[in-house]
């Protein structure tokens, strides 16, 4: 574990694009922030209280995406892909100015955000990184869906999905966030949906910005996108991408093993609430002097 000091971006980044659900074109600027600032959104199109911390206890909706808000009702939605990119890049502190209610969906993955971050680079700050170390297992089960967090000195993410569709079926994936593998294994995986669901959502005023330019669309027994898939198991990889973004709302990297079975944004937020419900579940750890991995952790790294 070599990333022992907090990081921010070296310069401002401006990203423009359409929101997946609102269909609204939004301008977003990421700005460098000092140590211990955290990840914070500010709605530049609003007056009054416009500041929204990107934290688990500010999540106000998880039905189709992850939405954070403040006590004045200001919200920002579909933050999970951006949060995942910030986690995968090792960014702890950034101020995100946005002039609308939804982060641009870009191509439906985290890669455009990774490339934007690459364009300015990272700045290392003097303060040590602080990680949330899972001390004991917490788990939840709901309607056949399960999610758990177990102790580990590594950040491990794994999951399983199963859909009655020829292109998906049952898929599993597991990875450790080490050596920049987020970029190669996770970042390019796109969000996905079924054509009949998209059509219904649009009648409800949702998915207004969705298209085959920013999502995998499944119809009948095939993928409708002309370019096909980026990975044979792109669907589960995107679910892991979402989980990484949702759990980065913990306020720092998580040293633990996440496993989700048919999990989504709701359970991802609920597992954080369960984790933080008791100080016996977690500890805040400076990453200055990392603990030596146990034999089990070394074996887990080899498997991942």
C-alpha atoms as a PDB file:
ATOM      1  CA  UNK A   1       0.000   0.000   0.000  1.00  0.00           C
ATOM      2  CA  UNK A   2       1.919   3.072  -1.203  1.00  0.00           C
ATOM      3  CA  UNK A   3      -0.690   5.858  -1.340  1.00  0.00           C
ATOM      4  CA  UNK A   4      -0.174   7.147   2.192  1.00  0.00           C
ATOM      5  CA  UNK A   5      -0.941  10.866   1.767  1.00  0.00           C
ATOM      6  CA  UNK A   6      -4.162  12.578   0.779  1.00  0.00           C
ATOM      7  CA  UNK A   7      -4.591  13.672  -2.823  1.00  0.00           C
ATOM      8  CA  UNK A   8      -6.550  16.195  -4.832  1.00  0.00           C
ATOM      9  CA  UNK A   9      -6.458  17.215  -8.497  1.00  0.00           C
ATOM     10  CA  UNK A  10      -3.672  19.507  -9.702  1.00  0.00           C
ATOM     11  CA  UNK A  11      -5.931  21.933 -11.573  1.00  0.00           C
ATOM     12  CA  UNK A  12      -9.598  22.576 -12.333  1.00  0.00           C
ATOM     13  CA  UNK A  13     -11.458  20.271 -14.742  1.00  0.00           C
ATOM     14  CA  UNK A  14     -14.619  21.238 -16.620  1.00  0.00           C
ATOM     15  CA  UNK A  15     -16.924  18.465 -17.808  1.00  0.00           C
ATOM     16  CA  UNK A  16     -20.150  19.048 -19.731  1.00  0.00           C
ATOM     17  CA  UNK A  17     -22.840  16.577 -20.701  1.00  0.00           C
ATOM     18  CA  UNK A  18     -26.397  15.352 -20.454  1.00  0.00           C
ATOM     19  CA  UNK A  19     -27.939  13.780 -17.359  1.00  0.00           C
ATOM     20  CA  UNK A  20     -29.106  10.176 -17.771  1.00  0.00           C
ATOM     21  CA  UNK A  21     -32.505  10.662 -16.127  1.00  0.00           C
ATOM     22  CA  UNK A  22     -33.169  14.404 -16.389  1.00  0.00           C
ATOM     23  CA  UNK A  23     -31.970  14.762 -19.982  1.00  0.00           C
ATOM     24  CA  UNK A  24     -30.674  18.153 -18.880  1.00  0.00           C
ATOM     25  CA  UNK A  25     -27.352  19.444 -20.209  1.00  0.00           C
ATOM     26  CA  UNK A  26     -25.120  20.238 -17.259  1.00  0.00           C
ATOM     27  CA  UNK A  27     -21.821  22.036 -16.730  1.00  0.00           C
ATOM     28  CA  UNK A  28     -19.612  20.626 -13.978  1.00  0.00           C
ATOM     29  CA  UNK A  29     -16.226  21.861 -12.724  1.00  0.00           C
ATOM     30  CA  UNK A  30     -13.986  19.902 -10.371  1.00  0.00           C
ATOM     31  CA  UNK A  31     -11.614  22.089  -8.350  1.00  0.00           C
ATOM     32  CA  UNK A  32      -8.639  21.236  -6.142  1.00  0.00           C
ATOM     33  CA  UNK A  33      -9.393  21.177  -2.412  1.00  0.00           C
ATOM     34  CA  UNK A  34      -7.199  21.155   0.711  1.00  0.00           C
ATOM     35  CA  UNK A  35      -6.530  18.229   3.025  1.00  0.00           C
ATOM     36  CA  UNK A  36      -9.506  16.966   5.049  1.00  0.00           C
ATOM     37  CA  UNK A  37     -11.951  18.877   2.816  1.00  0.00           C
ATOM     38  CA  UNK A  38     -13.458  15.687   1.451  1.00  0.00           C
ATOM     39  CA  UNK A  39     -15.590  15.448  -1.675  1.00  0.00           C
ATOM     40  CA  UNK A  40     -18.232  18.173  -1.752  1.00  0.00           C
ATOM     41  CA  UNK A  41     -20.785  19.271  -4.366  1.00  0.00           C
ATOM     42  CA  UNK A  42     -22.072  22.822  -4.721  1.00  0.00           C
ATOM     43  CA  UNK A  43     -25.125  23.643  -6.851  1.00  0.00           C
ATOM     44  CA  UNK A  44     -24.097  26.852  -8.601  1.00  0.00           C
ATOM     45  CA  UNK A  45     -27.570  27.327 -10.102  1.00  0.00           C
ATOM     46  CA  UNK A  46     -29.227  27.627  -6.699  1.00  0.00           C
ATOM     47  CA  UNK A  47     -29.300  30.276  -3.984  1.00  0.00           C
ATOM     48  CA  UNK A  48     -29.209  29.697  -0.257  1.00  0.00           C
ATOM     49  CA  UNK A  49     -27.674  26.506   1.080  1.00  0.00           C
ATOM     50  CA  UNK A  50     -26.076  24.966  -2.013  1.00  0.00           C
ATOM     51  CA  UNK A  51     -23.385  22.804  -0.393  1.00  0.00           C
ATOM     52  CA  UNK A  52     -23.867  19.014  -0.424  1.00  0.00           C
ATOM     53  CA  UNK A  53     -21.220  16.737   1.124  1.00  0.00           C
ATOM     54  CA  UNK A  54     -20.716  13.498  -0.809  1.00  0.00           C
ATOM     55  CA  UNK A  55     -21.281  11.299   2.231  1.00  0.00           C
ATOM     56  CA  UNK A  56     -23.364   8.252   3.074  1.00  0.00           C
ATOM     57  CA  UNK A  57     -25.459  10.183   5.594  1.00  0.00           C
ATOM     58  CA  UNK A  58     -26.478  12.703   2.899  1.00  0.00           C
ATOM     59  CA  UNK A  59     -27.928  10.078   0.538  1.00  0.00           C
ATOM     60  CA  UNK A  60     -31.607  10.931   0.011  1.00  0.00           C
ATOM     61  CA  UNK A  61     -32.625   8.619  -2.862  1.00  0.00           C
ATOM     62  CA  UNK A  62     -31.364   5.309  -4.281  1.00  0.00           C
ATOM     63  CA  UNK A  63     -34.200   4.175  -6.553  1.00  0.00           C
ATOM     64  CA  UNK A  64     -32.485   4.500  -9.947  1.00  0.00           C
ATOM     65  CA  UNK A  65     -29.181   6.081  -8.958  1.00  0.00           C
ATOM     66  CA  UNK A  66     -27.482   7.522  -5.893  1.00  0.00           C
ATOM     67  CA  UNK A  67     -28.677  11.013  -4.959  1.00  0.00           C
ATOM     68  CA  UNK A  68     -27.158  13.181  -2.231  1.00  0.00           C
ATOM     69  CA  UNK A  69     -28.859  16.199  -0.715  1.00  0.00           C
ATOM     70  CA  UNK A  70     -28.808  18.711   2.111  1.00  0.00           C
ATOM     71  CA  UNK A  71     -31.328  19.908   4.683  1.00  0.00           C
ATOM     72  CA  UNK A  72     -32.478  22.714   2.344  1.00  0.00           C
ATOM     73  CA  UNK A  73     -33.517  20.275  -0.369  1.00  0.00           C
ATOM     74  CA  UNK A  74     -30.631  20.829  -2.793  1.00  0.00           C
ATOM     75  CA  UNK A  75     -29.698  17.539  -4.468  1.00  0.00           C
ATOM     76  CA  UNK A  76     -27.283  16.051  -6.991  1.00  0.00           C
ATOM     77  CA  UNK A  77     -28.030  12.686  -8.580  1.00  0.00           C
ATOM     78  CA  UNK A  78     -26.299   9.945 -10.559  1.00  0.00           C
ATOM     79  CA  UNK A  79     -23.075  10.611  -8.667  1.00  0.00           C
ATOM     80  CA  UNK A  80     -21.915   6.967  -8.514  1.00  0.00           C
ATOM     81  CA  UNK A  81     -19.796   6.860 -11.700  1.00  0.00           C
ATOM     82  CA  UNK A  82     -17.938  10.062 -10.772  1.00  0.00           C
ATOM     83  CA  UNK A  83     -17.457   8.855  -7.193  1.00  0.00           C
ATOM     84  CA  UNK A  84     -16.122   5.557  -8.505  1.00  0.00           C
ATOM     85  CA  UNK A  85     -13.594   7.378 -10.688  1.00  0.00           C
ATOM     86  CA  UNK A  86     -12.483   9.518  -7.743  1.00  0.00           C
ATOM     87  CA  UNK A  87     -12.020   6.379  -5.643  1.00  0.00           C
ATOM     88  CA  UNK A  88     -10.169   4.559  -8.411  1.00  0.00           C
ATOM     89  CA  UNK A  89      -7.872   7.569  -8.864  1.00  0.00           C
ATOM     90  CA  UNK A  90      -7.126   7.814  -5.138  1.00  0.00           C
ATOM     91  CA  UNK A  91      -8.658  11.294  -4.796  1.00  0.00           C
ATOM     92  CA  UNK A  92      -9.689  12.317  -1.274  1.00  0.00           C
ATOM     93  CA  UNK A  93     -10.487  16.010  -1.670  1.00  0.00           C
ATOM     94  CA  UNK A  94     -12.285  17.903  -4.430  1.00  0.00           C
ATOM     95  CA  UNK A  95     -14.906  20.638  -4.767  1.00  0.00           C
ATOM     96  CA  UNK A  96     -17.450  19.890  -7.494  1.00  0.00           C
ATOM     97  CA  UNK A  97     -19.405  22.850  -8.864  1.00  0.00           C
ATOM     98  CA  UNK A  98     -22.448  21.806 -10.893  1.00  0.00           C
ATOM     99  CA  UNK A  99     -25.246  23.880 -12.407  1.00  0.00           C
ATOM    100  CA  UNK A 100     -27.937  21.207 -12.420  1.00  0.00           C
ATOM    101  CA  UNK A 101     -29.438  18.299 -10.497  1.00  0.00           C
ATOM    102  CA  UNK A 102     -27.501  15.460 -12.142  1.00  0.00           C
ATOM    103  CA  UNK A 103     -23.895  14.556 -12.943  1.00  0.00           C
ATOM    104  CA  UNK A 104     -23.388  14.105 -16.709  1.00  0.00           C
ATOM    105  CA  UNK A 105     -23.635  10.443 -17.689  1.00  0.00           C
ATOM    106  CA  UNK A 106     -20.942  10.747 -20.388  1.00  0.00           C
ATOM    107  CA  UNK A 107     -20.624   7.282 -22.016  1.00  0.00           C
ATOM    108  CA  UNK A 108     -22.231   5.470 -19.063  1.00  0.00           C
ATOM    109  CA  UNK A 109     -18.930   4.434 -17.501  1.00  0.00           C
ATOM    110  CA  UNK A 110     -16.269   6.012 -15.280  1.00  0.00           C
ATOM    111  CA  UNK A 111     -13.610   6.231 -18.004  1.00  0.00           C
ATOM    112  CA  UNK A 112     -14.396   9.786 -19.223  1.00  0.00           C
ATOM    113  CA  UNK A 113     -13.897  11.022 -15.644  1.00  0.00           C
ATOM    114  CA  UNK A 114     -10.634   9.073 -15.357  1.00  0.00           C
ATOM    115  CA  UNK A 115      -9.401  10.632 -18.603  1.00  0.00           C
ATOM    116  CA  UNK A 116     -10.399  14.105 -17.393  1.00  0.00           C
ATOM    117  CA  UNK A 117      -8.452  13.560 -14.157  1.00  0.00           C
ATOM    118  CA  UNK A 118      -5.475  12.304 -16.188  1.00  0.00           C
ATOM    119  CA  UNK A 119      -5.487  15.550 -18.167  1.00  0.00           C
ATOM    120  CA  UNK A 120      -4.525  17.603 -15.079  1.00  0.00           C
ATOM    121  CA  UNK A 121      -2.917  15.000 -12.832  1.00  0.00           C
ATOM    122  CA  UNK A 122      -2.949  14.650  -9.061  1.00  0.00           C
ATOM    123  CA  UNK A 123      -1.504  16.774  -6.276  1.00  0.00           C
ATOM    124  CA  UNK A 124      -0.230  15.087  -3.120  1.00  0.00           C
ATOM    125  CA  UNK A 125      -1.091  16.841   0.134  1.00  0.00           C
ATOM    126  CA  UNK A 126       0.837  16.756   3.407  1.00  0.00           C
ATOM    127  CA  UNK A 127      -1.851  15.049   5.495  1.00  0.00           C
ATOM    128  CA  UNK A 128      -2.006  11.249   5.772  1.00  0.00           C
ATOM    129  CA  UNK A 129      -4.821   9.363   4.066  1.00  0.00           C
ATOM    130  CA  UNK A 130      -7.412   8.027   6.467  1.00  0.00           C
ATOM    131  CA  UNK A 131      -9.125   4.767   5.705  1.00  0.00           C
ATOM    132  CA  UNK A 132     -12.186   3.156   7.214  1.00  0.00           C
ATOM    133  CA  UNK A 133     -11.032  -0.235   8.439  1.00  0.00           C
ATOM    134  CA  UNK A 134     -13.786  -2.849   8.780  1.00  0.00           C
ATOM    135  CA  UNK A 135     -13.332  -4.548  12.170  1.00  0.00           C
ATOM    136  CA  UNK A 136     -16.112  -7.113  12.035  1.00  0.00           C
ATOM    137  CA  UNK A 137     -18.495  -8.413   9.429  1.00  0.00           C
ATOM    138  CA  UNK A 138     -21.727  -6.570   8.748  1.00  0.00           C
ATOM    139  CA  UNK A 139     -24.294  -7.955   6.324  1.00  0.00           C
ATOM    140  CA  UNK A 140     -27.805  -7.330   5.063  1.00  0.00           C
ATOM    141  CA  UNK A 141     -30.321  -9.404   3.129  1.00  0.00           C
ATOM    142  CA  UNK A 142     -33.493  -8.158   1.489  1.00  0.00           C
ATOM    143  CA  UNK A 143     -35.789  -9.794  -1.056  1.00  0.00           C
ATOM    144  CA  UNK A 144     -33.156 -12.277  -2.194  1.00  0.00           C
ATOM    145  CA  UNK A 145     -30.450  -9.598  -2.423  1.00  0.00           C
ATOM    146  CA  UNK A 146     -27.431  -9.647  -0.111  1.00  0.00           C
ATOM    147  CA  UNK A 147     -24.499  -7.426   0.693  1.00  0.00           C
ATOM    148  CA  UNK A 148     -21.694  -7.741   3.210  1.00  0.00           C
ATOM    149  CA  UNK A 149     -18.509  -6.069   4.401  1.00  0.00           C
ATOM    150  CA  UNK A 150     -15.775  -8.189   5.998  1.00  0.00           C
ATOM    151  CA  UNK A 151     -12.421  -7.265   7.560  1.00  0.00           C
ATOM    152  CA  UNK A 152      -9.406  -7.114   5.220  1.00  0.00           C
ATOM    153  CA  UNK A 153      -6.260  -5.014   4.904  1.00  0.00           C
ATOM    154  CA  UNK A 154      -7.080  -4.684   1.211  1.00  0.00           C
ATOM    155  CA  UNK A 155      -9.924  -2.915  -0.588  1.00  0.00           C
ATOM    156  CA  UNK A 156     -11.679  -5.861  -2.228  1.00  0.00           C
ATOM    157  CA  UNK A 157     -14.890  -5.682  -4.232  1.00  0.00           C
ATOM    158  CA  UNK A 158     -16.814  -8.689  -5.472  1.00  0.00           C
ATOM    159  CA  UNK A 159     -20.320  -9.464  -6.598  1.00  0.00           C
ATOM    160  CA  UNK A 160     -22.797 -11.677  -8.401  1.00  0.00           C
ATOM    161  CA  UNK A 161     -25.735 -10.931 -10.671  1.00  0.00           C
ATOM    162  CA  UNK A 162     -28.238 -13.096 -12.503  1.00  0.00           C
ATOM    163  CA  UNK A 163     -30.641 -12.029 -15.230  1.00  0.00           C
ATOM    164  CA  UNK A 164     -32.889 -14.102 -17.460  1.00  0.00           C
ATOM    165  CA  UNK A 165     -31.247 -12.803 -20.610  1.00  0.00           C
ATOM    166  CA  UNK A 166     -28.972 -14.626 -23.030  1.00  0.00           C
ATOM    167  CA  UNK A 167     -26.302 -11.901 -22.924  1.00  0.00           C
ATOM    168  CA  UNK A 168     -26.116 -11.785 -19.127  1.00  0.00           C
ATOM    169  CA  UNK A 169     -27.164 -14.953 -17.304  1.00  0.00           C
ATOM    170  CA  UNK A 170     -25.151 -15.398 -14.095  1.00  0.00           C
ATOM    171  CA  UNK A 171     -21.961 -13.361 -13.784  1.00  0.00           C
ATOM    172  CA  UNK A 172     -19.420 -12.990 -10.967  1.00  0.00           C
ATOM    173  CA  UNK A 173     -16.443 -10.697 -10.548  1.00  0.00           C
ATOM    174  CA  UNK A 174     -13.940  -9.882  -7.811  1.00  0.00           C
ATOM    175  CA  UNK A 175     -11.024  -7.475  -7.690  1.00  0.00           C
ATOM    176  CA  UNK A 176      -8.675  -5.670  -5.307  1.00  0.00           C
ATOM    177  CA  UNK A 177      -8.118  -1.953  -5.850  1.00  0.00           C
ATOM    178  CA  UNK A 178      -4.357  -2.072  -6.307  1.00  0.00           C
ATOM    179  CA  UNK A 179      -1.787  -0.916  -8.849  1.00  0.00           C
ATOM    180  CA  UNK A 180      -4.246   1.103 -10.909  1.00  0.00           C
ATOM    181  CA  UNK A 181      -6.303  -1.918 -11.941  1.00  0.00           C
ATOM    182  CA  UNK A 182      -9.531   0.097 -11.585  1.00  0.00           C
ATOM    183  CA  UNK A 183      -8.664   1.779 -14.875  1.00  0.00           C
ATOM    184  CA  UNK A 184      -8.168  -1.494 -16.754  1.00  0.00           C
ATOM    185  CA  UNK A 185     -10.716  -3.798 -15.124  1.00  0.00           C
ATOM    186  CA  UNK A 186     -13.618  -1.572 -14.052  1.00  0.00           C
ATOM    187  CA  UNK A 187     -13.627   1.978 -15.404  1.00  0.00           C
ATOM    188  CA  UNK A 188     -14.824   1.217 -18.955  1.00  0.00           C
ATOM    189  CA  UNK A 189     -17.854  -0.883 -17.935  1.00  0.00           C
ATOM    190  CA  UNK A 190     -21.083   0.901 -18.875  1.00  0.00           C
ATOM    191  CA  UNK A 191     -24.470   1.089 -17.240  1.00  0.00           C
ATOM    192  CA  UNK A 192     -27.149  -1.057 -18.860  1.00  0.00           C
ATOM    193  CA  UNK A 193     -30.887  -1.395 -19.240  1.00  0.00           C
ATOM    194  CA  UNK A 194     -33.588  -3.294 -21.070  1.00  0.00           C
ATOM    195  CA  UNK A 195     -35.404  -1.636 -23.973  1.00  0.00           C
ATOM    196  CA  UNK A 196     -38.872  -2.196 -22.509  1.00  0.00           C
ATOM    197  CA  UNK A 197     -37.764  -0.698 -19.182  1.00  0.00           C
ATOM    198  CA  UNK A 198     -36.291   2.356 -20.892  1.00  0.00           C
ATOM    199  CA  UNK A 199     -39.534   2.930 -22.774  1.00  0.00           C
ATOM    200  CA  UNK A 200     -41.547   2.698 -19.536  1.00  0.00           C
ATOM    201  CA  UNK A 201     -39.182   5.001 -17.626  1.00  0.00           C
ATOM    202  CA  UNK A 202     -39.548   7.650 -20.293  1.00  0.00           C
ATOM    203  CA  UNK A 203     -43.323   7.633 -19.833  1.00  0.00           C
ATOM    204  CA  UNK A 204     -42.567   8.448 -16.182  1.00  0.00           C
ATOM    205  CA  UNK A 205     -40.274  11.343 -17.083  1.00  0.00           C
ATOM    206  CA  UNK A 206     -37.096   9.331 -16.390  1.00  0.00           C
ATOM    207  CA  UNK A 207     -34.173   8.074 -18.501  1.00  0.00           C
ATOM    208  CA  UNK A 208     -34.737  11.125 -20.715  1.00  0.00           C
ATOM    209  CA  UNK A 209     -31.040  11.389 -21.510  1.00  0.00           C
ATOM    210  CA  UNK A 210     -30.444   7.678 -22.052  1.00  0.00           C
ATOM    211  CA  UNK A 211     -29.267   6.356 -25.407  1.00  0.00           C
ATOM    212  CA  UNK A 212     -26.954   3.753 -26.868  1.00  0.00           C
ATOM    213  CA  UNK A 213     -24.239   6.412 -26.659  1.00  0.00           C
ATOM    214  CA  UNK A 214     -24.287   6.211 -22.851  1.00  0.00           C
ATOM    215  CA  UNK A 215     -25.705   2.805 -21.933  1.00  0.00           C
ATOM    216  CA  UNK A 216     -25.839  -0.814 -23.019  1.00  0.00           C
ATOM    217  CA  UNK A 217     -29.380  -1.437 -24.257  1.00  0.00           C
ATOM    218  CA  UNK A 218     -30.710  -5.001 -24.316  1.00  0.00           C
ATOM    219  CA  UNK A 219     -33.654  -6.022 -26.450  1.00  0.00           C
ATOM    220  CA  UNK A 220     -34.985  -9.501 -27.164  1.00  0.00           C
ATOM    221  CA  UNK A 221     -32.027 -11.824 -26.713  1.00  0.00           C
ATOM    222  CA  UNK A 222     -29.228  -9.502 -27.776  1.00  0.00           C
ATOM    223  CA  UNK A 223     -27.288  -6.307 -27.140  1.00  0.00           C
ATOM    224  CA  UNK A 224     -28.618  -3.584 -29.430  1.00  0.00           C
ATOM    225  CA  UNK A 225     -25.525  -1.354 -29.369  1.00  0.00           C
ATOM    226  CA  UNK A 226     -23.735  -1.566 -32.738  1.00  0.00           C
ATOM    227  CA  UNK A 227     -20.340  -1.846 -31.059  1.00  0.00           C
ATOM    228  CA  UNK A 228     -21.351  -4.680 -28.757  1.00  0.00           C
ATOM    229  CA  UNK A 229     -19.763  -5.154 -25.330  1.00  0.00           C
ATOM    230  CA  UNK A 230     -16.436  -3.915 -24.005  1.00  0.00           C
ATOM    231  CA  UNK A 231     -16.089  -6.999 -21.757  1.00  0.00           C
ATOM    232  CA  UNK A 232     -17.890 -10.325 -21.981  1.00  0.00           C
ATOM    233  CA  UNK A 233     -18.931  -9.734 -18.357  1.00  0.00           C
ATOM    234  CA  UNK A 234     -19.408  -5.964 -18.636  1.00  0.00           C
ATOM    235  CA  UNK A 235     -22.664  -6.117 -16.668  1.00  0.00           C
ATOM    236  CA  UNK A 236     -21.204  -7.380 -13.382  1.00  0.00           C
ATOM    237  CA  UNK A 237     -18.161  -5.156 -13.828  1.00  0.00           C
ATOM    238  CA  UNK A 238     -20.480  -2.161 -13.991  1.00  0.00           C
ATOM    239  CA  UNK A 239     -22.261  -3.311 -10.832  1.00  0.00           C
ATOM    240  CA  UNK A 240     -18.859  -3.382  -9.118  1.00  0.00           C
ATOM    241  CA  UNK A 241     -18.145   0.101 -10.527  1.00  0.00           C
ATOM    242  CA  UNK A 242     -21.383   1.315  -8.940  1.00  0.00           C
ATOM    243  CA  UNK A 243     -20.533  -0.336  -5.625  1.00  0.00           C
ATOM    244  CA  UNK A 244     -17.087   1.292  -5.522  1.00  0.00           C
ATOM    245  CA  UNK A 245     -18.691   4.693  -6.117  1.00  0.00           C
ATOM    246  CA  UNK A 246     -21.470   4.157  -3.586  1.00  0.00           C
ATOM    247  CA  UNK A 247     -19.029   3.011  -0.903  1.00  0.00           C
ATOM    248  CA  UNK A 248     -16.662   5.931  -1.530  1.00  0.00           C
ATOM    249  CA  UNK A 249     -19.382   7.926   0.217  1.00  0.00           C
ATOM    250  CA  UNK A 250     -17.915   6.441   3.422  1.00  0.00           C
ATOM    251  CA  UNK A 251     -15.570   9.434   3.477  1.00  0.00           C
ATOM    252  CA  UNK A 252     -12.398   7.575   2.575  1.00  0.00           C
ATOM    253  CA  UNK A 253     -11.090   4.300   1.201  1.00  0.00           C
ATOM    254  CA  UNK A 254     -12.536   1.202   2.823  1.00  0.00           C
ATOM    255  CA  UNK A 255     -10.134  -1.470   4.041  1.00  0.00           C
ATOM    256  CA  UNK A 256     -12.462  -4.420   3.853  1.00  0.00           C
ATOM    257  CA  UNK A 257     -14.071  -6.881   1.491  1.00  0.00           C
ATOM    258  CA  UNK A 258     -17.370  -5.958  -0.120  1.00  0.00           C
ATOM    259  CA  UNK A 259     -19.557  -8.652  -1.646  1.00  0.00           C
ATOM    260  CA  UNK A 260     -22.920  -7.959  -3.237  1.00  0.00           C
ATOM    261  CA  UNK A 261     -25.414 -10.496  -4.559  1.00  0.00           C
ATOM    262  CA  UNK A 262     -27.938  -8.798  -6.862  1.00  0.00           C
ATOM    263  CA  UNK A 263     -27.193  -5.640  -4.883  1.00  0.00           C
ATOM    264  CA  UNK A 264     -27.883  -2.080  -5.961  1.00  0.00           C
ATOM    265  CA  UNK A 265     -27.625   1.495  -4.741  1.00  0.00           C
ATOM    266  CA  UNK A 266     -30.115   1.020  -1.905  1.00  0.00           C
ATOM    267  CA  UNK A 267     -28.314  -1.907  -0.277  1.00  0.00           C
ATOM    268  CA  UNK A 268     -24.955  -0.254  -0.860  1.00  0.00           C
ATOM    269  CA  UNK A 269     -26.058   2.742   1.176  1.00  0.00           C
ATOM    270  CA  UNK A 270     -27.731   0.556   3.788  1.00  0.00           C
ATOM    271  CA  UNK A 271     -24.534  -1.442   4.359  1.00  0.00           C
ATOM    272  CA  UNK A 272     -22.663   1.798   5.064  1.00  0.00           C
ATOM    273  CA  UNK A 273     -25.360   2.826   7.528  1.00  0.00           C
ATOM    274  CA  UNK A 274     -25.069  -0.594   9.183  1.00  0.00           C
ATOM    275  CA  UNK A 275     -21.276  -0.296   9.306  1.00  0.00           C
ATOM    276  CA  UNK A 276     -21.332   3.128  10.933  1.00  0.00           C
ATOM    277  CA  UNK A 277     -24.149   2.207  13.337  1.00  0.00           C
ATOM    278  CA  UNK A 278     -21.588   0.905  15.853  1.00  0.00           C
ATOM    279  CA  UNK A 279     -17.998   1.932  16.588  1.00  0.00           C
ATOM    280  CA  UNK A 280     -17.315  -1.751  17.153  1.00  0.00           C
ATOM    281  CA  UNK A 281     -17.707  -2.267  13.388  1.00  0.00           C
ATOM    282  CA  UNK A 282     -15.044   0.139  12.146  1.00  0.00           C
ATOM    283  CA  UNK A 283     -12.019   2.240  12.953  1.00  0.00           C
ATOM    284  CA  UNK A 284     -10.449   5.262  11.292  1.00  0.00           C
ATOM    285  CA  UNK A 285      -6.885   4.384  10.328  1.00  0.00           C
ATOM    286  CA  UNK A 286      -4.055   6.580   9.061  1.00  0.00           C
ATOM    287  CA  UNK A 287      -2.514   4.822   6.088  1.00  0.00           C
ATOM    288  CA  UNK A 288       0.989   6.063   6.912  1.00  0.00           C
ATOM    289  CA  UNK A 289       2.195   2.724   8.240  1.00  0.00           C
ATOM    290  CA  UNK A 290       0.144  -0.057   6.615  1.00  0.00           C
ATOM    291  CA  UNK A 291      -0.264  -3.350   8.413  1.00  0.00           C
ATOM    292  CA  UNK A 292       1.396  -6.400   6.879  1.00  0.00           C
ATOM    293  CA  UNK A 293      -1.143  -8.491   4.948  1.00  0.00           C
ATOM    294  CA  UNK A 294      -2.117 -11.769   6.552  1.00  0.00           C
ATOM    295  CA  UNK A 295      -1.758 -15.034   4.647  1.00  0.00           C
ATOM    296  CA  UNK A 296      -5.504 -14.938   3.879  1.00  0.00           C
ATOM    297  CA  UNK A 297      -5.204 -11.390   2.512  1.00  0.00           C
ATOM    298  CA  UNK A 298      -2.198 -12.338   0.360  1.00  0.00           C
ATOM    299  CA  UNK A 299      -4.145 -15.301  -1.018  1.00  0.00           C
ATOM    300  CA  UNK A 300      -7.150 -13.035  -1.660  1.00  0.00           C
ATOM    301  CA  UNK A 301      -4.930 -10.678  -3.636  1.00  0.00           C
ATOM    302  CA  UNK A 302      -3.633 -13.538  -5.777  1.00  0.00           C
ATOM    303  CA  UNK A 303      -7.184 -14.742  -6.472  1.00  0.00           C
ATOM    304  CA  UNK A 304      -8.379 -11.251  -7.377  1.00  0.00           C
END
